[in-house]
């Protein structure tokens, strides 16, 4: 049993953690047992975190099928109408899982905004930036990293938007 617990606590490098380390970003690793369709609410509950501080990475696309990333509180949804208006797009919609995987290089449920396969514009719900720390996917299903939310602005050029729905 002890051996299994020790193994579960170790998470190998991902493109996301490699990028964070390369830029000298301090982060803590939080592996957990992944649950299909569990989402940020599940990971928050398992790790004892506030779902408001667990940030999900959503791969979306505009009317021209140009991909973009949206960082949103784990217990909120994105108003695609408000998002489109704020970024100057006619419309925004979530990508299918296959398309999201192709753009990000990550499996849905393990998508990190760091170390994506292709560079995409990143939009972050403005209220996330007011939090002292956030937990965000570390590039693998069942793996979050805790960081200062300002890292998203510094490393990714994340632009603040107001598109959260309760």
N, C-alpha and C. Protein backbone atom coordinates (compact mmCIF):
# COMPACT_ATOMS: atom_id res chain seq x y z
N UNK A 1 0.83 -1.20 0.00
CA UNK A 1 0.00 0.00 0.00
C UNK A 1 0.86 1.25 0.00
N UNK A 2 1.89 1.28 0.85
CA UNK A 2 2.75 2.46 0.93
C UNK A 2 3.42 2.73 -0.42
N UNK A 3 3.80 1.65 -1.11
CA UNK A 3 4.44 1.79 -2.42
C UNK A 3 3.50 2.47 -3.42
N UNK A 4 2.23 2.04 -3.42
CA UNK A 4 1.26 2.61 -4.34
C UNK A 4 1.05 4.10 -4.04
N UNK A 5 0.94 4.46 -2.75
CA UNK A 5 0.75 5.86 -2.38
C UNK A 5 1.92 6.70 -2.83
N UNK A 6 3.13 6.15 -2.67
CA UNK A 6 4.32 6.90 -3.07
C UNK A 6 4.31 7.13 -4.58
N UNK A 7 3.95 6.12 -5.33
CA UNK A 7 3.89 6.24 -6.79
C UNK A 7 2.84 7.26 -7.21
N UNK A 8 1.68 7.25 -6.56
CA UNK A 8 0.59 8.17 -6.89
C UNK A 8 1.01 9.62 -6.66
N UNK A 9 1.89 9.86 -5.70
CA UNK A 9 2.31 11.22 -5.39
C UNK A 9 3.31 11.76 -6.41
N UNK A 10 3.98 10.88 -7.16
CA UNK A 10 4.96 11.33 -8.15
C UNK A 10 4.27 11.56 -9.49
N UNK A 11 4.52 12.72 -10.06
CA UNK A 11 3.98 13.03 -11.38
C UNK A 11 5.15 13.42 -12.27
N UNK A 12 5.27 12.75 -13.41
CA UNK A 12 6.38 13.07 -14.31
C UNK A 12 6.16 14.43 -14.97
N UNK A 13 7.24 14.94 -15.52
CA UNK A 13 7.18 16.25 -16.18
C UNK A 13 6.16 16.24 -17.31
N UNK A 14 5.55 17.38 -17.51
CA UNK A 14 4.64 17.60 -18.64
C UNK A 14 5.16 18.84 -19.37
N UNK A 15 4.69 19.10 -20.58
CA UNK A 15 5.10 20.35 -21.24
C UNK A 15 4.78 21.57 -20.37
N UNK A 16 3.69 21.50 -19.59
CA UNK A 16 3.31 22.62 -18.72
C UNK A 16 4.33 22.83 -17.60
N UNK A 17 4.69 21.75 -16.90
CA UNK A 17 5.64 21.91 -15.80
C UNK A 17 7.03 22.26 -16.33
N UNK A 18 7.37 21.76 -17.50
CA UNK A 18 8.66 22.14 -18.11
C UNK A 18 8.70 23.64 -18.38
N UNK A 19 7.60 24.17 -18.91
CA UNK A 19 7.55 25.60 -19.20
C UNK A 19 7.63 26.42 -17.91
N UNK A 20 6.88 26.00 -16.89
CA UNK A 20 6.91 26.73 -15.62
C UNK A 20 8.32 26.72 -15.02
N UNK A 21 8.96 25.55 -15.01
CA UNK A 21 10.33 25.45 -14.47
C UNK A 21 11.31 26.31 -15.29
N UNK A 22 11.18 26.26 -16.61
CA UNK A 22 12.08 27.02 -17.49
C UNK A 22 12.00 28.52 -17.22
N UNK A 23 10.84 28.98 -16.76
CA UNK A 23 10.65 30.41 -16.48
C UNK A 23 10.79 30.72 -14.99
N UNK A 24 11.24 29.75 -14.22
CA UNK A 24 11.49 29.97 -12.79
C UNK A 24 10.24 30.23 -11.98
N UNK A 25 9.11 29.67 -12.41
CA UNK A 25 7.85 29.87 -11.70
C UNK A 25 7.75 28.89 -10.53
N UNK A 26 7.47 29.42 -9.35
CA UNK A 26 7.27 28.57 -8.17
C UNK A 26 5.87 27.98 -8.25
N UNK A 27 5.78 26.66 -8.11
CA UNK A 27 4.46 26.01 -8.10
C UNK A 27 4.51 24.80 -7.20
N UNK A 28 3.33 24.40 -6.73
CA UNK A 28 3.21 23.17 -5.97
C UNK A 28 2.37 22.19 -6.78
N UNK A 29 2.72 20.92 -6.72
CA UNK A 29 2.04 19.87 -7.48
C UNK A 29 0.94 19.24 -6.64
N UNK A 30 -0.20 18.98 -7.27
CA UNK A 30 -1.33 18.39 -6.57
C UNK A 30 -1.97 17.29 -7.42
N UNK A 31 -1.40 16.07 -7.38
CA UNK A 31 -2.03 14.96 -8.11
C UNK A 31 -3.29 14.50 -7.37
N UNK A 32 -4.25 14.01 -8.12
CA UNK A 32 -5.48 13.48 -7.53
C UNK A 32 -6.02 12.42 -8.47
N UNK A 33 -6.96 11.64 -7.99
CA UNK A 33 -7.55 10.60 -8.84
C UNK A 33 -8.55 11.24 -9.79
N UNK A 34 -8.25 11.15 -11.08
CA UNK A 34 -9.08 11.76 -12.11
C UNK A 34 -10.41 11.02 -12.24
N UNK A 35 -11.47 11.79 -12.43
CA UNK A 35 -12.80 11.23 -12.63
C UNK A 35 -13.33 11.79 -13.95
N UNK A 36 -13.66 10.91 -14.89
CA UNK A 36 -14.22 11.31 -16.18
C UNK A 36 -15.44 12.19 -15.94
N UNK A 37 -15.46 13.35 -16.55
CA UNK A 37 -16.55 14.34 -16.42
C UNK A 37 -16.67 14.90 -15.01
N UNK A 38 -15.65 14.73 -14.18
CA UNK A 38 -15.69 15.27 -12.81
C UNK A 38 -15.40 16.76 -12.78
N UNK A 39 -14.52 17.19 -13.69
CA UNK A 39 -14.21 18.60 -13.82
C UNK A 39 -13.56 19.23 -12.60
N UNK A 40 -13.56 20.55 -12.62
CA UNK A 40 -12.92 21.34 -11.56
C UNK A 40 -13.61 21.14 -10.21
N UNK A 41 -14.92 20.91 -10.23
CA UNK A 41 -15.64 20.71 -8.97
C UNK A 41 -15.12 19.45 -8.25
N UNK A 42 -14.89 18.39 -9.03
CA UNK A 42 -14.39 17.14 -8.47
C UNK A 42 -12.97 17.33 -7.91
N UNK A 43 -12.09 17.92 -8.72
CA UNK A 43 -10.71 18.08 -8.25
C UNK A 43 -10.66 18.97 -7.02
N UNK A 44 -11.48 20.01 -6.97
CA UNK A 44 -11.52 20.88 -5.79
C UNK A 44 -11.94 20.10 -4.56
N UNK A 45 -13.00 19.28 -4.70
CA UNK A 45 -13.49 18.49 -3.57
C UNK A 45 -12.45 17.50 -3.08
N UNK A 46 -11.80 16.79 -4.01
CA UNK A 46 -10.81 15.78 -3.66
C UNK A 46 -9.59 16.41 -2.97
N UNK A 47 -9.18 17.57 -3.46
CA UNK A 47 -7.98 18.22 -2.91
C UNK A 47 -8.28 19.19 -1.77
N UNK A 48 -9.56 19.37 -1.44
CA UNK A 48 -9.92 20.28 -0.36
C UNK A 48 -9.71 21.74 -0.72
N UNK A 49 -9.93 22.07 -1.99
CA UNK A 49 -9.74 23.45 -2.46
C UNK A 49 -11.09 24.11 -2.75
N UNK A 50 -11.10 25.42 -2.74
CA UNK A 50 -12.29 26.18 -3.11
C UNK A 50 -12.44 26.10 -4.63
N UNK A 51 -13.60 25.63 -5.15
CA UNK A 51 -13.76 25.52 -6.60
C UNK A 51 -13.61 26.86 -7.32
N UNK A 52 -13.82 27.96 -6.60
CA UNK A 52 -13.65 29.30 -7.17
C UNK A 52 -12.17 29.56 -7.50
N UNK A 53 -11.26 28.92 -6.74
CA UNK A 53 -9.82 29.10 -6.95
C UNK A 53 -9.20 28.01 -7.82
N UNK A 54 -10.03 27.03 -8.23
CA UNK A 54 -9.57 26.02 -9.18
C UNK A 54 -9.98 26.54 -10.56
N UNK A 55 -8.99 26.75 -11.41
CA UNK A 55 -9.23 27.38 -12.70
C UNK A 55 -9.20 26.34 -13.81
N UNK A 56 -10.28 26.32 -14.60
CA UNK A 56 -10.34 25.38 -15.72
C UNK A 56 -9.85 26.08 -16.99
N UNK A 57 -9.20 25.30 -17.85
CA UNK A 57 -8.68 25.79 -19.12
C UNK A 57 -9.60 25.25 -20.22
N UNK A 58 -10.26 26.17 -20.91
CA UNK A 58 -11.23 25.79 -21.95
C UNK A 58 -10.71 26.18 -23.32
N UNK A 59 -10.72 25.23 -24.24
CA UNK A 59 -10.31 25.51 -25.62
C UNK A 59 -11.57 25.85 -26.41
N UNK A 60 -11.60 27.06 -26.93
CA UNK A 60 -12.75 27.53 -27.69
C UNK A 60 -12.28 28.02 -29.06
N UNK A 61 -13.23 28.41 -29.89
CA UNK A 61 -12.88 28.94 -31.21
C UNK A 61 -13.85 30.04 -31.58
N UNK A 62 -13.37 30.96 -32.43
CA UNK A 62 -14.24 32.03 -32.90
C UNK A 62 -14.96 31.61 -34.17
N UNK A 63 -15.67 32.55 -34.78
CA UNK A 63 -16.47 32.24 -35.97
C UNK A 63 -15.62 31.76 -37.15
N UNK A 64 -14.32 32.06 -37.14
CA UNK A 64 -13.42 31.63 -38.21
C UNK A 64 -12.67 30.35 -37.84
N UNK A 65 -13.10 29.69 -36.77
CA UNK A 65 -12.48 28.46 -36.25
C UNK A 65 -11.06 28.70 -35.76
N UNK A 66 -10.74 29.96 -35.38
CA UNK A 66 -9.44 30.27 -34.78
C UNK A 66 -9.53 29.93 -33.29
N UNK A 67 -8.59 29.10 -32.80
CA UNK A 67 -8.66 28.67 -31.40
C UNK A 67 -8.22 29.75 -30.41
N UNK A 68 -8.75 29.64 -29.21
CA UNK A 68 -8.38 30.52 -28.11
C UNK A 68 -8.59 29.77 -26.81
N UNK A 69 -7.89 30.20 -25.78
CA UNK A 69 -8.04 29.58 -24.46
C UNK A 69 -8.77 30.54 -23.54
N UNK A 70 -9.65 29.99 -22.71
CA UNK A 70 -10.35 30.77 -21.70
C UNK A 70 -10.07 30.14 -20.35
N UNK A 71 -9.61 30.95 -19.40
CA UNK A 71 -9.36 30.48 -18.04
C UNK A 71 -10.51 30.97 -17.18
N UNK A 72 -11.23 30.03 -16.57
CA UNK A 72 -12.46 30.35 -15.83
C UNK A 72 -12.48 29.64 -14.48
N UNK A 73 -13.12 30.29 -13.50
CA UNK A 73 -13.32 29.68 -12.19
C UNK A 73 -13.98 28.31 -12.35
N UNK A 74 -13.59 27.37 -11.51
CA UNK A 74 -14.12 26.01 -11.61
C UNK A 74 -15.61 25.91 -11.36
N UNK A 75 -16.18 26.88 -10.65
CA UNK A 75 -17.62 26.81 -10.36
C UNK A 75 -18.42 27.86 -11.14
N UNK A 76 -17.87 28.30 -12.26
CA UNK A 76 -18.56 29.27 -13.12
C UNK A 76 -18.53 28.74 -14.55
N UNK A 77 -19.44 29.25 -15.38
CA UNK A 77 -19.44 28.92 -16.79
C UNK A 77 -19.15 30.19 -17.59
N UNK A 78 -18.78 30.00 -18.83
CA UNK A 78 -18.43 31.12 -19.70
C UNK A 78 -19.67 31.57 -20.48
N UNK A 79 -19.92 32.88 -20.45
CA UNK A 79 -20.93 33.45 -21.34
C UNK A 79 -20.21 33.70 -22.66
N UNK A 80 -20.44 32.81 -23.64
CA UNK A 80 -19.74 32.95 -24.92
C UNK A 80 -20.16 34.24 -25.62
N UNK A 81 -21.38 34.68 -25.39
CA UNK A 81 -21.86 35.94 -25.99
C UNK A 81 -21.06 37.13 -25.44
N UNK A 82 -20.90 37.18 -24.10
CA UNK A 82 -20.13 38.27 -23.49
C UNK A 82 -18.66 38.19 -23.90
N UNK A 83 -18.13 36.98 -23.95
CA UNK A 83 -16.73 36.81 -24.35
C UNK A 83 -16.52 37.30 -25.77
N UNK A 84 -17.38 36.89 -26.69
CA UNK A 84 -17.25 37.30 -28.10
C UNK A 84 -17.28 38.82 -28.21
N UNK A 85 -18.20 39.45 -27.51
CA UNK A 85 -18.32 40.91 -27.58
C UNK A 85 -17.03 41.58 -27.09
N UNK A 86 -16.46 41.06 -25.99
CA UNK A 86 -15.26 41.67 -25.40
C UNK A 86 -14.00 41.47 -26.23
N UNK A 87 -13.94 40.39 -27.00
CA UNK A 87 -12.72 40.13 -27.78
C UNK A 87 -12.89 40.53 -29.25
N UNK A 88 -14.05 41.11 -29.57
CA UNK A 88 -14.27 41.58 -30.94
C UNK A 88 -14.56 40.47 -31.94
N UNK A 89 -15.13 39.37 -31.46
CA UNK A 89 -15.49 38.26 -32.35
C UNK A 89 -17.01 38.28 -32.57
N UNK A 90 -17.44 37.71 -33.70
CA UNK A 90 -18.88 37.58 -33.95
C UNK A 90 -19.48 36.53 -33.03
N UNK A 91 -18.75 35.44 -32.84
CA UNK A 91 -19.22 34.36 -31.97
C UNK A 91 -18.03 33.57 -31.44
N UNK A 92 -18.27 32.89 -30.33
CA UNK A 92 -17.28 32.01 -29.72
C UNK A 92 -18.02 30.76 -29.28
N UNK A 93 -17.40 29.60 -29.49
CA UNK A 93 -18.01 28.35 -29.05
C UNK A 93 -16.91 27.39 -28.61
N UNK A 94 -17.26 26.44 -27.73
CA UNK A 94 -16.27 25.44 -27.33
C UNK A 94 -15.88 24.57 -28.52
N UNK A 95 -14.62 24.16 -28.54
CA UNK A 95 -14.16 23.21 -29.56
C UNK A 95 -14.63 21.81 -29.18
N UNK A 96 -14.75 20.94 -30.16
CA UNK A 96 -15.01 19.53 -29.84
C UNK A 96 -13.76 18.99 -29.15
N UNK A 97 -13.89 17.92 -28.38
CA UNK A 97 -12.71 17.36 -27.72
C UNK A 97 -11.56 17.04 -28.69
N UNK A 98 -11.88 16.50 -29.86
CA UNK A 98 -10.83 16.15 -30.83
C UNK A 98 -10.09 17.39 -31.32
N UNK A 99 -10.83 18.44 -31.61
CA UNK A 99 -10.21 19.69 -32.08
C UNK A 99 -9.42 20.33 -30.95
N UNK A 100 -9.98 20.32 -29.74
CA UNK A 100 -9.27 20.88 -28.59
C UNK A 100 -7.95 20.15 -28.37
N UNK A 101 -7.96 18.82 -28.47
CA UNK A 101 -6.73 18.03 -28.31
C UNK A 101 -5.70 18.42 -29.36
N UNK A 102 -6.16 18.59 -30.60
CA UNK A 102 -5.25 18.92 -31.69
C UNK A 102 -4.60 20.29 -31.47
N UNK A 103 -5.37 21.27 -31.03
CA UNK A 103 -4.83 22.62 -30.80
C UNK A 103 -3.89 22.67 -29.60
N UNK A 104 -4.30 22.04 -28.50
CA UNK A 104 -3.55 22.18 -27.25
C UNK A 104 -2.44 21.15 -27.09
N UNK A 105 -2.63 19.97 -27.68
CA UNK A 105 -1.67 18.89 -27.46
C UNK A 105 -1.98 18.12 -26.19
N UNK A 106 -3.03 18.51 -25.49
CA UNK A 106 -3.44 17.84 -24.25
C UNK A 106 -4.79 17.17 -24.45
N UNK A 107 -5.04 16.12 -23.65
CA UNK A 107 -6.35 15.49 -23.63
C UNK A 107 -7.31 16.37 -22.86
N UNK A 108 -8.56 16.45 -23.31
CA UNK A 108 -9.56 17.20 -22.56
C UNK A 108 -9.65 16.59 -21.16
N UNK A 109 -9.67 17.45 -20.16
CA UNK A 109 -9.62 17.00 -18.76
C UNK A 109 -8.21 17.10 -18.21
N UNK A 110 -7.25 17.32 -19.11
CA UNK A 110 -5.86 17.48 -18.71
C UNK A 110 -5.22 18.66 -19.43
N UNK A 111 -6.05 19.61 -19.86
CA UNK A 111 -5.55 20.75 -20.63
C UNK A 111 -4.99 21.83 -19.73
N UNK A 112 -3.75 22.19 -19.97
CA UNK A 112 -3.09 23.29 -19.28
C UNK A 112 -2.91 24.42 -20.27
N UNK A 113 -2.95 25.67 -19.81
CA UNK A 113 -2.67 26.77 -20.73
C UNK A 113 -1.16 26.90 -21.01
N UNK A 114 -0.36 26.20 -20.21
CA UNK A 114 1.10 26.28 -20.35
C UNK A 114 1.61 25.13 -21.21
N UNK A 115 2.53 25.43 -22.11
CA UNK A 115 3.14 24.38 -22.92
C UNK A 115 2.21 23.77 -23.96
N UNK A 116 1.31 24.57 -24.51
CA UNK A 116 0.39 24.05 -25.53
C UNK A 116 1.14 23.81 -26.83
N UNK A 117 0.57 22.93 -27.64
CA UNK A 117 1.16 22.56 -28.93
C UNK A 117 1.29 23.78 -29.84
N UNK A 118 0.23 24.59 -29.88
CA UNK A 118 0.30 25.80 -30.69
C UNK A 118 -0.05 26.99 -29.82
N UNK A 119 0.52 28.13 -30.18
CA UNK A 119 0.25 29.34 -29.42
C UNK A 119 -1.16 29.84 -29.74
N UNK A 120 -1.89 30.19 -28.71
CA UNK A 120 -3.25 30.69 -28.88
C UNK A 120 -3.44 31.89 -27.96
N UNK A 121 -4.32 32.83 -28.34
CA UNK A 121 -4.61 33.91 -27.40
C UNK A 121 -5.28 33.34 -26.15
N UNK A 122 -4.94 33.91 -25.01
CA UNK A 122 -5.47 33.44 -23.73
C UNK A 122 -6.27 34.56 -23.08
N UNK A 123 -7.47 34.24 -22.65
CA UNK A 123 -8.33 35.19 -21.96
C UNK A 123 -8.61 34.62 -20.57
N UNK A 124 -8.51 35.49 -19.55
CA UNK A 124 -8.67 35.05 -18.17
C UNK A 124 -9.79 35.86 -17.53
N UNK A 125 -10.70 35.19 -16.85
CA UNK A 125 -11.75 35.89 -16.12
C UNK A 125 -11.07 36.83 -15.14
N UNK A 126 -11.41 38.10 -15.23
CA UNK A 126 -10.72 39.15 -14.48
C UNK A 126 -10.63 38.88 -12.98
N UNK A 127 -11.70 38.35 -12.38
CA UNK A 127 -11.71 38.12 -10.93
C UNK A 127 -10.70 37.07 -10.48
N UNK A 128 -10.23 36.23 -11.40
CA UNK A 128 -9.21 35.23 -11.06
C UNK A 128 -7.92 35.94 -10.65
N UNK A 129 -7.63 37.06 -11.30
CA UNK A 129 -6.38 37.78 -11.03
C UNK A 129 -6.34 38.39 -9.63
N UNK A 130 -7.48 38.49 -8.96
CA UNK A 130 -7.53 39.04 -7.60
C UNK A 130 -7.23 37.98 -6.55
N UNK A 131 -7.21 36.71 -6.95
CA UNK A 131 -6.95 35.62 -6.00
C UNK A 131 -5.46 35.54 -5.65
N UNK A 132 -5.11 35.17 -4.42
CA UNK A 132 -3.69 35.06 -4.06
C UNK A 132 -3.00 33.88 -4.76
N UNK A 133 -3.71 32.75 -4.90
CA UNK A 133 -3.17 31.56 -5.58
C UNK A 133 -4.32 30.87 -6.30
N UNK A 134 -3.97 30.21 -7.39
CA UNK A 134 -4.97 29.41 -8.11
C UNK A 134 -4.40 28.01 -8.31
N UNK A 135 -5.30 27.06 -8.50
CA UNK A 135 -4.92 25.70 -8.89
C UNK A 135 -5.38 25.55 -10.33
N UNK A 136 -4.46 25.16 -11.20
CA UNK A 136 -4.76 25.05 -12.62
C UNK A 136 -4.14 23.77 -13.15
N UNK A 137 -4.67 23.24 -14.23
CA UNK A 137 -4.18 21.97 -14.71
C UNK A 137 -2.70 22.03 -15.05
N UNK A 138 -2.00 20.99 -14.66
CA UNK A 138 -0.56 20.90 -14.88
C UNK A 138 -0.16 20.11 -16.11
N UNK A 139 -1.14 19.83 -16.99
CA UNK A 139 -0.80 19.16 -18.24
C UNK A 139 -1.08 17.67 -18.27
N UNK A 140 -1.89 17.21 -17.36
CA UNK A 140 -2.24 15.79 -17.32
C UNK A 140 -3.55 15.65 -16.54
N UNK A 141 -4.36 14.69 -16.94
CA UNK A 141 -5.58 14.41 -16.18
C UNK A 141 -5.19 14.00 -14.77
N UNK A 142 -5.86 14.57 -13.78
CA UNK A 142 -5.56 14.23 -12.38
C UNK A 142 -4.34 14.93 -11.84
N UNK A 143 -4.03 16.12 -12.34
CA UNK A 143 -2.84 16.82 -11.88
C UNK A 143 -3.03 18.33 -11.98
N UNK A 144 -3.08 18.99 -10.81
CA UNK A 144 -3.15 20.44 -10.77
C UNK A 144 -1.86 21.00 -10.20
N UNK A 145 -1.54 22.24 -10.57
CA UNK A 145 -0.44 22.97 -9.96
C UNK A 145 -1.01 24.25 -9.37
N UNK A 146 -0.47 24.64 -8.22
CA UNK A 146 -0.89 25.90 -7.62
C UNK A 146 0.17 26.95 -7.93
N UNK A 147 -0.31 28.11 -8.41
CA UNK A 147 0.58 29.20 -8.81
C UNK A 147 -0.08 30.54 -8.46
N UNK A 148 0.71 31.59 -8.58
CA UNK A 148 0.20 32.95 -8.50
C UNK A 148 -0.53 33.21 -9.82
N UNK A 149 -1.76 33.71 -9.81
CA UNK A 149 -2.49 33.91 -11.06
C UNK A 149 -1.83 34.91 -12.01
N UNK A 150 -0.99 35.78 -11.49
CA UNK A 150 -0.31 36.76 -12.35
C UNK A 150 0.64 36.08 -13.33
N UNK A 151 1.03 34.83 -13.03
CA UNK A 151 1.88 34.06 -13.95
C UNK A 151 1.20 33.92 -15.30
N UNK A 152 -0.13 33.79 -15.28
CA UNK A 152 -0.88 33.65 -16.55
C UNK A 152 -0.73 34.88 -17.42
N UNK A 153 -0.67 36.04 -16.81
CA UNK A 153 -0.50 37.29 -17.56
C UNK A 153 0.95 37.39 -18.04
N UNK A 154 1.89 37.14 -17.12
CA UNK A 154 3.31 37.27 -17.46
C UNK A 154 3.76 36.29 -18.54
N UNK A 155 3.43 35.01 -18.38
CA UNK A 155 3.93 33.99 -19.31
C UNK A 155 3.07 33.82 -20.56
N UNK A 156 1.77 34.00 -20.41
CA UNK A 156 0.86 33.69 -21.51
C UNK A 156 0.28 34.93 -22.19
N UNK A 157 0.50 36.10 -21.57
CA UNK A 157 -0.11 37.31 -22.10
C UNK A 157 -1.62 37.27 -21.96
N UNK A 158 -2.11 36.56 -20.95
CA UNK A 158 -3.56 36.42 -20.75
C UNK A 158 -4.21 37.79 -20.58
N UNK A 159 -5.28 37.99 -21.33
CA UNK A 159 -6.01 39.26 -21.27
C UNK A 159 -7.26 39.10 -20.42
N UNK A 160 -7.46 40.01 -19.44
CA UNK A 160 -8.63 39.91 -18.58
C UNK A 160 -9.92 40.20 -19.33
N UNK A 161 -10.94 39.40 -19.03
CA UNK A 161 -12.28 39.58 -19.59
C UNK A 161 -13.29 39.37 -18.46
N UNK A 162 -14.53 39.79 -18.69
CA UNK A 162 -15.61 39.55 -17.75
C UNK A 162 -16.69 38.77 -18.47
N UNK A 163 -16.65 37.45 -18.32
CA UNK A 163 -17.61 36.60 -19.05
C UNK A 163 -18.12 35.46 -18.19
N UNK A 164 -18.00 35.56 -16.86
CA UNK A 164 -18.42 34.48 -15.98
C UNK A 164 -19.92 34.52 -15.72
N UNK A 165 -20.55 33.36 -15.73
CA UNK A 165 -21.94 33.20 -15.31
C UNK A 165 -21.93 32.37 -14.05
N UNK A 166 -22.86 32.66 -13.15
CA UNK A 166 -22.95 31.89 -11.89
C UNK A 166 -23.25 30.44 -12.19
